[in-house]
Amino acid sequence: DNIKTIHRLKSEIAVLRKEREHLLKDEKELREKNDELKSLEENYAASLEEAKAITDELIIQNKILAENEDNFRTLTEIVPAAIFIVQGDKYIYTNKAFHEITGIDENQLNSMYFWDIVNADYQDIVKTRGYALQNKKRVTQRYEFVISNPLKGKRWIDFSASYYEYAGKPAMLGTAIDITTKRSEEHTSELQSH
């Protein structure tokens, strides 16, 4: 009977040893998984911190950008020269002086190409140079030409423009000053001197 008990105990001990081996193997796998999880959690926490820092930086940059845009608009509204931004073939920004010089309101402007206000004699050159500037090509940036103001008739303007990037896309930033009176005085002076 003792021999049976010894064999039974040996058998139980063997089973317990196998279970212990499995438990030790499972414990090792569990530790590895736990270490892996800790590493992922640390990487996730670091990524969250990095994302928060990037988000904070973007918020600051957006505030600066909005402030710069507000300053630009404030400046352009008090300047007596026409200031405008053209993107493609349309005006996307015009200041108050632009409307005073051209005699065209914003509603009318929305359906016009940027060269539509230019007198027919100068439209081709203005159109060609406008597109060239938006493509960063070297062209004359300052010249004089005539526009057609529906309220005042033909008006001479001193125009200057350059390449400008607006909302991440190529554009043209331009200014114009009404020099009709100056041109008229020069013409009168020339006539009187002859």
Protein backbone atom coordinates (compact mmCIF):
# COMPACT_ATOMS: atom_id res chain seq x y z
CA ASP A 1 0.00 0.00 0.00
CA ASN A 2 2.92 2.33 0.71
CA ILE A 3 4.28 1.63 -2.73
CA LYS A 4 1.00 2.67 -4.33
CA THR A 5 1.01 5.83 -2.27
CA ILE A 6 4.59 6.58 -3.30
CA HIS A 7 3.75 6.07 -7.02
CA ARG A 8 0.65 8.22 -6.65
CA LEU A 9 2.67 10.94 -4.91
CA LYS A 10 5.41 10.73 -7.57
CA SER A 11 2.77 11.07 -10.23
CA GLU A 12 1.16 14.04 -8.46
CA ILE A 13 4.59 15.62 -7.99
CA ALA A 14 5.32 15.22 -11.73
CA VAL A 15 1.98 16.85 -12.59
CA LEU A 16 2.68 19.67 -10.13
CA ARG A 17 6.15 20.18 -11.62
CA LYS A 18 4.67 20.42 -15.12
CA GLU A 19 2.04 22.88 -13.86
CA ARG A 20 4.78 24.86 -12.15
CA GLU A 21 6.82 24.92 -15.41
CA HIS A 22 3.75 26.16 -17.27
CA LEU A 23 3.09 28.75 -14.57
CA LEU A 24 6.71 29.92 -14.68
CA LYS A 25 6.52 30.10 -18.49
CA ASP A 26 3.21 31.98 -18.27
CA GLU A 27 4.67 34.28 -15.61
CA LYS A 28 7.66 35.01 -17.87
CA GLU A 29 5.33 35.75 -20.81
CA LEU A 30 3.19 37.88 -18.53
CA ARG A 31 6.26 39.88 -17.39
CA GLU A 32 7.32 40.36 -21.04
CA LYS A 33 3.80 41.48 -21.99
CA ASN A 34 3.73 43.77 -18.95
CA ASP A 35 7.11 45.29 -19.95
CA GLU A 36 5.83 45.71 -23.50
CA LEU A 37 2.69 47.41 -22.19
CA LYS A 38 4.75 49.74 -19.97
CA SER A 39 6.91 50.68 -22.96
CA LEU A 40 3.82 51.39 -25.08
CA GLU A 41 2.31 53.47 -22.29
CA GLU A 42 5.54 55.47 -21.98
CA ASN A 43 5.66 56.01 -25.76
CA TYR A 44 2.00 57.02 -25.75
CA ALA A 45 2.59 59.49 -22.91
CA ALA A 46 5.60 60.95 -24.74
CA SER A 47 3.56 61.21 -27.97
CA LEU A 48 0.77 62.97 -26.09
CA GLU A 49 3.24 65.46 -24.65
CA GLU A 50 4.73 66.06 -28.10
CA ALA A 51 1.26 66.47 -29.63
CA LYS A 52 0.32 68.92 -26.86
CA ALA A 53 3.50 70.94 -27.47
CA ILE A 54 2.82 71.02 -31.24
CA THR A 55 -0.81 72.01 -30.63
CA ASP A 56 0.27 74.79 -28.26
CA GLU A 57 2.77 76.04 -30.85
CA LEU A 58 0.09 75.97 -33.58
CA ILE A 59 -2.28 77.93 -31.35
CA ILE A 60 0.41 80.57 -30.79
CA GLN A 61 1.23 80.72 -34.52
CA ASN A 62 -2.46 81.04 -35.42
CA LYS A 63 -2.85 83.90 -32.93
CA ILE A 64 0.20 85.65 -34.42
CA LEU A 65 -1.12 85.05 -37.94
CA ALA A 66 -4.56 86.43 -37.02
CA GLU A 67 -2.92 89.43 -35.36
CA ASN A 68 -0.74 90.05 -38.42
CA GLU A 69 -3.77 89.80 -40.69
CA ASP A 70 -5.67 92.26 -38.48
CA ASN A 71 -2.69 94.64 -38.57
CA PHE A 72 -2.46 94.30 -42.37
CA ARG A 73 -6.16 95.08 -42.76
CA THR A 74 -5.96 98.03 -40.36
CA LEU A 75 -2.97 99.45 -42.22
CA THR A 76 -4.52 98.97 -45.65
CA GLU A 77 -7.77 100.62 -44.63
CA ILE A 78 -6.07 103.88 -43.58
CA VAL A 79 -3.72 104.14 -46.57
CA PRO A 80 -5.04 106.42 -49.34
CA ALA A 81 -3.67 104.09 -52.03
CA ALA A 82 -5.60 101.16 -53.46
CA ILE A 83 -4.25 97.90 -52.05
CA PHE A 84 -5.44 94.55 -53.33
CA ILE A 85 -4.64 90.88 -53.60
CA VAL A 86 -5.35 88.94 -56.78
CA GLN A 87 -5.30 85.15 -56.86
CA GLY A 88 -5.69 83.51 -60.23
CA ASP A 89 -7.93 85.90 -62.13
CA LYS A 90 -10.00 87.29 -59.21
CA TYR A 91 -9.60 89.91 -56.53
CA ILE A 92 -9.62 88.24 -53.12
CA TYR A 93 -8.91 91.35 -51.07
CA THR A 94 -9.45 95.03 -51.76
CA ASN A 95 -9.26 97.99 -49.40
CA LYS A 96 -11.52 101.02 -49.16
CA ALA A 97 -9.28 103.20 -51.35
CA PHE A 98 -9.44 100.57 -54.11
CA HIS A 99 -13.21 101.04 -54.33
CA GLU A 100 -12.88 104.82 -54.21
CA ILE A 101 -10.30 104.89 -57.01
CA THR A 102 -12.02 102.33 -59.26
CA GLY A 103 -15.64 103.30 -58.52
CA ILE A 104 -16.51 99.60 -58.24
CA ASP A 105 -18.12 98.06 -55.17
CA GLU A 106 -17.36 94.60 -53.77
CA ASN A 107 -20.51 93.02 -55.22
CA GLN A 108 -19.59 94.10 -58.74
CA LEU A 109 -15.98 93.04 -58.22
CA ASN A 110 -16.91 89.43 -57.37
CA SER A 111 -18.05 88.81 -60.94
CA MET A 112 -15.08 90.53 -62.60
CA TYR A 113 -11.64 89.44 -63.71
CA PHE A 114 -8.77 91.56 -62.38
CA TRP A 115 -8.16 93.11 -65.81
CA ASP A 116 -11.83 94.07 -66.38
CA ILE A 117 -11.36 97.49 -64.72
CA VAL A 118 -8.41 98.27 -66.99
CA ASN A 119 -8.95 100.31 -70.14
CA ALA A 120 -9.00 98.06 -73.24
CA ASP A 121 -5.71 99.55 -74.52
CA TYR A 122 -3.86 98.20 -71.47
CA GLN A 123 -5.75 94.99 -70.62
CA ASP A 124 -3.41 92.55 -72.38
CA ILE A 125 -0.26 93.87 -70.73
CA VAL A 126 -1.89 94.03 -67.27
CA LYS A 127 -3.30 90.51 -67.64
CA THR A 128 0.01 89.06 -68.89
CA ARG A 129 2.08 90.72 -66.16
CA GLY A 130 -0.47 89.78 -63.49
CA TYR A 131 -0.26 86.09 -64.32
CA ALA A 132 3.52 86.28 -64.70
CA LEU A 133 3.92 87.81 -61.23
CA GLN A 134 1.79 85.05 -59.72
CA ASN A 135 4.15 82.56 -61.34
CA LYS A 136 7.22 84.32 -59.88
CA LYS A 137 8.39 85.48 -63.29
CA ARG A 138 10.40 88.66 -63.64
CA VAL A 139 8.33 91.45 -65.18
CA THR A 140 8.06 95.20 -64.80
CA GLN A 141 6.44 95.66 -61.43
CA ARG A 142 5.64 99.35 -61.63
CA TYR A 143 3.99 101.15 -64.52
CA GLU A 144 1.15 103.52 -65.36
CA PHE A 145 -2.05 102.73 -67.20
CA VAL A 146 -5.67 103.81 -67.53
CA ILE A 147 -8.62 102.25 -65.75
CA SER A 148 -12.30 102.78 -66.48
CA ASN A 149 -14.10 104.17 -63.44
CA PRO A 150 -17.89 103.93 -64.03
CA LEU A 151 -18.44 107.09 -61.95
CA LYS A 152 -15.49 109.26 -63.05
CA GLY A 153 -14.55 107.90 -66.47
CA LYS A 154 -10.95 107.20 -67.44
CA ARG A 155 -8.45 107.46 -64.59
CA TRP A 156 -4.67 107.19 -64.80
CA ILE A 157 -3.09 105.09 -62.08
CA ASP A 158 0.47 104.51 -60.91
CA PHE A 159 0.47 100.76 -60.35
CA SER A 160 2.94 98.46 -58.65
CA ALA A 161 2.71 94.78 -57.72
CA SER A 162 4.72 91.79 -56.66
CA TYR A 163 4.42 88.07 -56.01
CA TYR A 164 2.60 87.26 -52.79
CA GLU A 165 1.57 84.01 -51.19
CA TYR A 166 -1.93 84.00 -49.76
CA ALA A 167 -3.45 81.01 -47.96
CA GLY A 168 -0.58 78.89 -49.23
CA LYS A 169 -1.25 79.70 -52.88
CA PRO A 170 0.46 82.07 -55.36
CA ALA A 171 -1.08 85.52 -55.61
CA MET A 172 -0.26 89.11 -56.53
CA LEU A 173 -0.17 91.96 -54.03
CA GLY A 174 -0.75 95.27 -55.72
CA THR A 175 -1.09 98.98 -55.04
CA ALA A 176 -2.43 101.78 -57.17
CA ILE A 177 -2.53 105.55 -56.83
CA ASP A 178 -4.81 107.79 -58.88
CA ILE A 179 -2.49 110.14 -60.79
CA THR A 180 -5.12 111.54 -63.18
CA THR A 181 -4.79 115.08 -61.80
CA LYS A 182 -0.99 114.92 -61.97
CA ARG A 183 -1.12 113.62 -65.56
CA SER A 184 -3.58 116.37 -66.50
CA GLU A 185 -1.37 119.08 -64.95
CA GLU A 186 1.70 117.71 -66.76
CA HIS A 187 -0.21 117.69 -70.04
CA THR A 188 -1.40 121.27 -69.47
CA SER A 189 2.15 122.36 -68.59
CA GLU A 190 3.49 120.76 -71.77
CA LEU A 191 0.86 122.51 -73.88
CA GLN A 192 1.65 125.88 -72.30
CA SER A 193 5.39 125.47 -72.84
CA HIS A 194 4.92 124.95 -76.59
